[in-house]
C-alpha cells in the first residue's frame, strides 16, 4: 500500500468527529436541579405564610 493510499483512507479519531455532549447534559441537569430547589423554597415560603397566618393565634 502506497503512502497516498494510506492518506486517502485515513479516518480521524471518533472523538474528533463526534464531540461528547456529556458537559452539555451536566449543565442542563444542574440548571434544572437549581430551578427545582428555588421553586421548592418559594413554594414552602408561600405555604408557610398561607398556613401560619392569623389562624396561629387561635390555638
PDB file of N, CA and C in Angstrom:
ATOM      1  N   UNK A   1       0.861  -1.182   0.000  1.00  0.00           N
ATOM      2  CA  UNK A   1       0.000   0.000   0.000  1.00  0.00           C
ATOM      3  C   UNK A   1       0.902   1.239   0.000  1.00  0.00           C
ATOM      4  N   UNK A   2       0.657   2.118  -0.906  1.00  0.00           N
ATOM      5  CA  UNK A   2       1.492   3.306  -1.006  1.00  0.00           C
ATOM      6  C   UNK A   2       1.071   4.355   0.026  1.00  0.00           C
ATOM      7  N   UNK A   3       1.894   5.339   0.164  1.00  0.00           N
ATOM      8  CA  UNK A   3       1.637   6.410   1.146  1.00  0.00           C
ATOM      9  C   UNK A   3       0.377   7.199   0.789  1.00  0.00           C
ATOM     10  N   UNK A   4       0.125   7.393  -0.503  1.00  0.00           N
ATOM     11  CA  UNK A   4      -1.070   8.124  -0.938  1.00  0.00           C
ATOM     12  C   UNK A   4      -2.344   7.370  -0.583  1.00  0.00           C
ATOM     13  N   UNK A   5      -2.317   6.057  -0.733  1.00  0.00           N
ATOM     14  CA  UNK A   5      -3.493   5.255  -0.408  1.00  0.00           C
ATOM     15  C   UNK A   5      -3.779   5.301   1.089  1.00  0.00           C
ATOM     16  N   UNK A   6      -2.740   5.284   1.898  1.00  0.00           N
ATOM     17  CA  UNK A   6      -2.930   5.370   3.351  1.00  0.00           C
ATOM     18  C   UNK A   6      -3.566   6.703   3.735  1.00  0.00           C
ATOM     19  N   UNK A   7      -3.093   7.779   3.102  1.00  0.00           N
ATOM     20  CA  UNK A   7      -3.636   9.101   3.410  1.00  0.00           C
ATOM     21  C   UNK A   7      -5.089   9.242   2.955  1.00  0.00           C
ATOM     22  N   UNK A   8      -5.444   8.626   1.852  1.00  0.00           N
ATOM     23  CA  UNK A   8      -6.808   8.758   1.349  1.00  0.00           C
ATOM     24  C   UNK A   8      -7.804   7.954   2.186  1.00  0.00           C
ATOM     25  N   UNK A   9      -7.337   6.957   2.916  1.00  0.00           N
ATOM     26  CA  UNK A   9      -8.215   6.134   3.746  1.00  0.00           C
ATOM     27  C   UNK A   9      -8.107   6.482   5.227  1.00  0.00           C
ATOM     28  N   UNK A  10      -7.423   7.553   5.525  1.00  0.00           N
ATOM     29  CA  UNK A  10      -7.241   7.933   6.931  1.00  0.00           C
ATOM     30  C   UNK A  10      -8.555   8.439   7.521  1.00  0.00           C
ATOM     31  N   UNK A  11      -8.890   7.942   8.685  1.00  0.00           N
ATOM     32  CA  UNK A  11     -10.061   8.426   9.416  1.00  0.00           C
ATOM     33  C   UNK A  11      -9.594   9.030  10.733  1.00  0.00           C
ATOM     34  N   UNK A  12     -10.064  10.211  11.059  1.00  0.00           N
ATOM     35  CA  UNK A  12      -9.685  10.805  12.345  1.00  0.00           C
ATOM     36  C   UNK A  12     -10.337  10.040  13.494  1.00  0.00           C
ATOM     37  N   UNK A  13      -9.872  10.289  14.668  1.00  0.00           N
ATOM     38  CA  UNK A  13     -10.427   9.632  15.852  1.00  0.00           C
ATOM     39  C   UNK A  13     -11.901   9.997  16.003  1.00  0.00           C
ATOM     40  N   UNK A  14     -12.658   9.084  16.584  1.00  0.00           N
ATOM     41  CA  UNK A  14     -14.101   9.302  16.736  1.00  0.00           C
ATOM     42  C   UNK A  14     -14.387  10.542  17.585  1.00  0.00           C
ATOM     43  N   UNK A  15     -13.545  10.805  18.576  1.00  0.00           N
ATOM     44  CA  UNK A  15     -13.750  11.977  19.442  1.00  0.00           C
ATOM     45  C   UNK A  15     -13.639  13.283  18.670  1.00  0.00           C
ATOM     46  N   UNK A  16     -12.844  13.285  17.608  1.00  0.00           N
ATOM     47  CA  UNK A  16     -12.708  14.498  16.807  1.00  0.00           C
ATOM     48  C   UNK A  16     -13.945  14.744  15.953  1.00  0.00           C
ATOM     49  N   UNK A  17     -14.591  13.680  15.510  1.00  0.00           N
ATOM     50  CA  UNK A  17     -15.778  13.827  14.660  1.00  0.00           C
ATOM     51  C   UNK A  17     -17.028  14.038  15.502  1.00  0.00           C
ATOM     52  N   UNK A  18     -17.216  13.203  16.508  1.00  0.00           N
ATOM     53  CA  UNK A  18     -18.413  13.239  17.347  1.00  0.00           C
ATOM     54  C   UNK A  18     -18.029  13.732  18.735  1.00  0.00           C
ATOM     55  N   UNK A  19     -18.203  14.996  18.951  1.00  0.00           N
ATOM     56  CA  UNK A  19     -17.880  15.582  20.251  1.00  0.00           C
ATOM     57  C   UNK A  19     -18.828  15.062  21.322  1.00  0.00           C
ATOM     58  N   UNK A  20     -18.328  14.925  22.513  1.00  0.00           N
ATOM     59  CA  UNK A  20     -19.139  14.443  23.627  1.00  0.00           C
ATOM     60  C   UNK A  20     -20.116  15.526  24.070  1.00  0.00           C
ATOM     61  N   UNK A  21     -21.344  15.117  24.337  1.00  0.00           N
ATOM     62  CA  UNK A  21     -22.355  16.050  24.831  1.00  0.00           C
ATOM     63  C   UNK A  21     -22.529  15.901  26.333  1.00  0.00           C
ATOM     64  N   UNK A  22     -21.603  15.219  26.959  1.00  0.00           N
ATOM     65  CA  UNK A  22     -21.686  14.967  28.394  1.00  0.00           C
ATOM     66  C   UNK A  22     -21.726  16.276  29.184  1.00  0.00           C
ATOM     67  N   UNK A  23     -20.892  17.221  28.820  1.00  0.00           N
ATOM     68  CA  UNK A  23     -20.853  18.505  29.509  1.00  0.00           C
ATOM     69  C   UNK A  23     -22.138  19.294  29.350  1.00  0.00           C
ATOM     70  N   UNK A  24     -22.730  19.234  28.170  1.00  0.00           N
ATOM     71  CA  UNK A  24     -23.989  19.946  27.923  1.00  0.00           C
ATOM     72  C   UNK A  24     -25.098  19.389  28.805  1.00  0.00           C
ATOM     73  N   UNK A  25     -25.159  18.058  28.905  1.00  0.00           N
ATOM     74  CA  UNK A  25     -26.196  17.429  29.726  1.00  0.00           C
ATOM     75  C   UNK A  25     -25.975  17.713  31.206  1.00  0.00           C
ATOM     76  N   UNK A  26     -24.721  17.774  31.646  1.00  0.00           N
ATOM     77  CA  UNK A  26     -24.432  18.060  33.048  1.00  0.00           C
ATOM     78  C   UNK A  26     -24.884  19.476  33.408  1.00  0.00           C
ATOM     79  N   UNK A  27     -24.599  20.437  32.541  1.00  0.00           N
ATOM     80  CA  UNK A  27     -25.016  21.820  32.795  1.00  0.00           C
ATOM     81  C   UNK A  27     -26.533  21.920  32.826  1.00  0.00           C
ATOM     82  N   UNK A  28     -27.205  21.257  31.894  1.00  0.00           N
ATOM     83  CA  UNK A  28     -28.669  21.258  31.870  1.00  0.00           C
ATOM     84  C   UNK A  28     -29.230  20.629  33.141  1.00  0.00           C
ATOM     85  N   UNK A  29     -28.647  19.522  33.575  1.00  0.00           N
ATOM     86  CA  UNK A  29     -29.092  18.846  34.792  1.00  0.00           C
ATOM     87  C   UNK A  29     -28.963  19.763  36.005  1.00  0.00           C
ATOM     88  N   UNK A  30     -27.822  20.424  36.152  1.00  0.00           N
ATOM     89  CA  UNK A  30     -27.619  21.302  37.305  1.00  0.00           C
ATOM     90  C   UNK A  30     -28.531  22.524  37.259  1.00  0.00           C
ATOM     91  N   UNK A  31     -28.810  23.050  36.085  1.00  0.00           N
ATOM     92  CA  UNK A  31     -29.741  24.183  35.981  1.00  0.00           C
ATOM     93  C   UNK A  31     -31.148  23.771  36.383  1.00  0.00           C
ATOM     94  N   UNK A  32     -31.579  22.591  35.939  1.00  0.00           N
ATOM     95  CA  UNK A  32     -32.905  22.095  36.322  1.00  0.00           C
ATOM     96  C   UNK A  32     -32.955  21.843  37.818  1.00  0.00           C
ATOM     97  N   UNK A  33     -31.899  21.253  38.363  1.00  0.00           N
ATOM     98  CA  UNK A  33     -31.842  20.980  39.799  1.00  0.00           C
ATOM     99  C   UNK A  33     -31.911  22.273  40.605  1.00  0.00           C
ATOM    100  N   UNK A  34     -31.179  23.292  40.195  1.00  0.00           N
ATOM    101  CA  UNK A  34     -31.201  24.577  40.880  1.00  0.00           C
ATOM    102  C   UNK A  34     -32.576  25.228  40.775  1.00  0.00           C
ATOM    103  N   UNK A  35     -33.197  25.147  39.602  1.00  0.00           N
ATOM    104  CA  UNK A  35     -34.536  25.707  39.415  1.00  0.00           C
ATOM    105  C   UNK A  35     -35.548  25.028  40.328  1.00  0.00           C
ATOM    106  N   UNK A  36     -35.482  23.702  40.419  1.00  0.00           N
ATOM    107  CA  UNK A  36     -36.394  22.973  41.302  1.00  0.00           C
ATOM    108  C   UNK A  36     -36.171  23.341  42.765  1.00  0.00           C
ATOM    109  N   UNK A  37     -34.926  23.534  43.157  1.00  0.00           N
ATOM    110  CA  UNK A  37     -34.628  23.930  44.533  1.00  0.00           C
ATOM    111  C   UNK A  37     -35.210  25.308  44.835  1.00  0.00           C
ATOM    112  N   UNK A  38     -35.037  26.243  43.910  1.00  0.00           N
ATOM    113  CA  UNK A  38     -35.577  27.591  44.105  1.00  0.00           C
ATOM    114  C   UNK A  38     -37.100  27.542  44.181  1.00  0.00           C
ATOM    115  N   UNK A  39     -37.734  26.765  43.293  1.00  0.00           N
ATOM    116  CA  UNK A  39     -39.192  26.641  43.326  1.00  0.00           C
ATOM    117  C   UNK A  39     -39.664  25.996  44.625  1.00  0.00           C
ATOM    118  N   UNK A  40     -38.918  25.036  45.137  1.00  0.00           N
ATOM    119  CA  UNK A  40     -39.269  24.400  46.404  1.00  0.00           C
ATOM    120  C   UNK A  40     -39.208  25.400  47.554  1.00  0.00           C
ATOM    121  N   UNK A  41     -38.162  26.197  47.609  1.00  0.00           N
ATOM    122  CA  UNK A  41     -38.025  27.196  48.671  1.00  0.00           C
ATOM    123  C   UNK A  41     -39.148  28.226  48.579  1.00  0.00           C
ATOM    124  N   UNK A  42     -39.445  28.692  47.378  1.00  0.00           N
ATOM    125  CA  UNK A  42     -40.533  29.660  47.199  1.00  0.00           C
ATOM    126  C   UNK A  42     -41.863  29.029  47.592  1.00  0.00           C
ATOM    127  N   UNK A  43     -42.093  27.801  47.151  1.00  0.00           N
ATOM    128  CA  UNK A  43     -43.332  27.108  47.486  1.00  0.00           C
ATOM    129  C   UNK A  43     -43.493  26.891  48.977  1.00  0.00           C
ATOM    130  N   UNK A  44     -42.435  26.491  49.651  1.00  0.00           N
ATOM    131  CA  UNK A  44     -42.505  26.298  51.100  1.00  0.00           C
ATOM    132  C   UNK A  44     -42.719  27.622  51.826  1.00  0.00           C
ATOM    133  N   UNK A  45     -42.124  28.683  51.310  1.00  0.00           N
ATOM    134  CA  UNK A  45     -42.344  30.001  51.910  1.00  0.00           C
ATOM    135  C   UNK A  45     -43.786  30.442  51.786  1.00  0.00           C
ATOM    136  N   UNK A  46     -44.349  30.289  50.612  1.00  0.00           N
ATOM    137  CA  UNK A  46     -45.758  30.655  50.404  1.00  0.00           C
ATOM    138  C   UNK A  46     -46.662  29.765  51.246  1.00  0.00           C
ATOM    139  N   UNK A  47     -46.369  28.479  51.279  1.00  0.00           N
ATOM    140  CA  UNK A  47     -47.161  27.532  52.063  1.00  0.00           C
ATOM    141  C   UNK A  47     -47.103  27.892  53.555  1.00  0.00           C
ATOM    142  N   UNK A  48     -45.921  28.247  54.031  1.00  0.00           N
ATOM    143  CA  UNK A  48     -45.766  28.626  55.434  1.00  0.00           C
ATOM    144  C   UNK A  48     -46.530  29.889  55.780  1.00  0.00           C
ATOM    145  N   UNK A  49     -46.486  30.884  54.923  1.00  0.00           N
ATOM    146  CA  UNK A  49     -47.218  32.129  55.162  1.00  0.00           C
ATOM    147  C   UNK A  49     -48.716  31.872  55.101  1.00  0.00           C
ATOM    148  N   UNK A  50     -49.158  31.064  54.173  1.00  0.00           N
ATOM    149  CA  UNK A  50     -50.580  30.791  53.999  1.00  0.00           C
ATOM    150  C   UNK A  50     -51.156  30.032  55.199  1.00  0.00           C
ATOM    151  N   UNK A  51     -50.448  29.036  55.706  1.00  0.00           N
ATOM    152  CA  UNK A  51     -50.981  28.201  56.781  1.00  0.00           C
ATOM    153  C   UNK A  51     -50.615  28.689  58.180  1.00  0.00           C
ATOM    154  N   UNK A  52     -49.749  29.664  58.304  1.00  0.00           N
ATOM    155  CA  UNK A  52     -49.419  30.208  59.626  1.00  0.00           C
ATOM    156  C   UNK A  52     -49.846  31.663  59.724  1.00  0.00           C
ATOM    157  N   UNK A  53     -50.882  32.001  58.996  1.00  0.00           N
ATOM    158  CA  UNK A  53     -51.384  33.373  59.006  1.00  0.00           C
ATOM    159  C   UNK A  53     -52.042  33.703  60.339  1.00  0.00           C
ATOM    160  N   UNK A  54     -53.206  34.284  60.307  1.00  0.00           N
ATOM    161  CA  UNK A  54     -53.915  34.718  61.506  1.00  0.00           C
ATOM    162  C   UNK A  54     -54.448  33.551  62.331  1.00  0.00           C
ATOM    163  N   UNK A  55     -54.544  32.373  61.779  1.00  0.00           N
ATOM    164  CA  UNK A  55     -55.092  31.220  62.484  1.00  0.00           C
ATOM    165  C   UNK A  55     -54.180  30.715  63.598  1.00  0.00           C
ATOM    166  N   UNK A  56     -52.902  31.049  63.584  1.00  0.00           N
ATOM    167  CA  UNK A  56     -51.974  30.524  64.588  1.00  0.00           C
ATOM    168  C   UNK A  56     -52.239  31.122  65.971  1.00  0.00           C
ATOM    169  N   UNK A  57     -52.835  32.299  66.057  1.00  0.00           N
ATOM    170  CA  UNK A  57     -53.116  32.916  67.357  1.00  0.00           C
ATOM    171  C   UNK A  57     -54.326  32.288  68.035  1.00  0.00           C
ATOM    172  N   UNK A  58     -55.115  31.507  67.334  1.00  0.00           N
ATOM    173  CA  UNK A  58     -56.314  30.900  67.898  1.00  0.00           C
ATOM    174  C   UNK A  58     -56.019  29.569  68.578  1.00  0.00           C
ATOM    175  N   UNK A  59     -54.824  29.054  68.505  1.00  0.00           N
ATOM    176  CA  UNK A  59     -54.503  27.765  69.121  1.00  0.00           C
ATOM    177  C   UNK A  59     -54.460  27.842  70.594  1.00  0.00           C
TER     178      UNK A  59
END
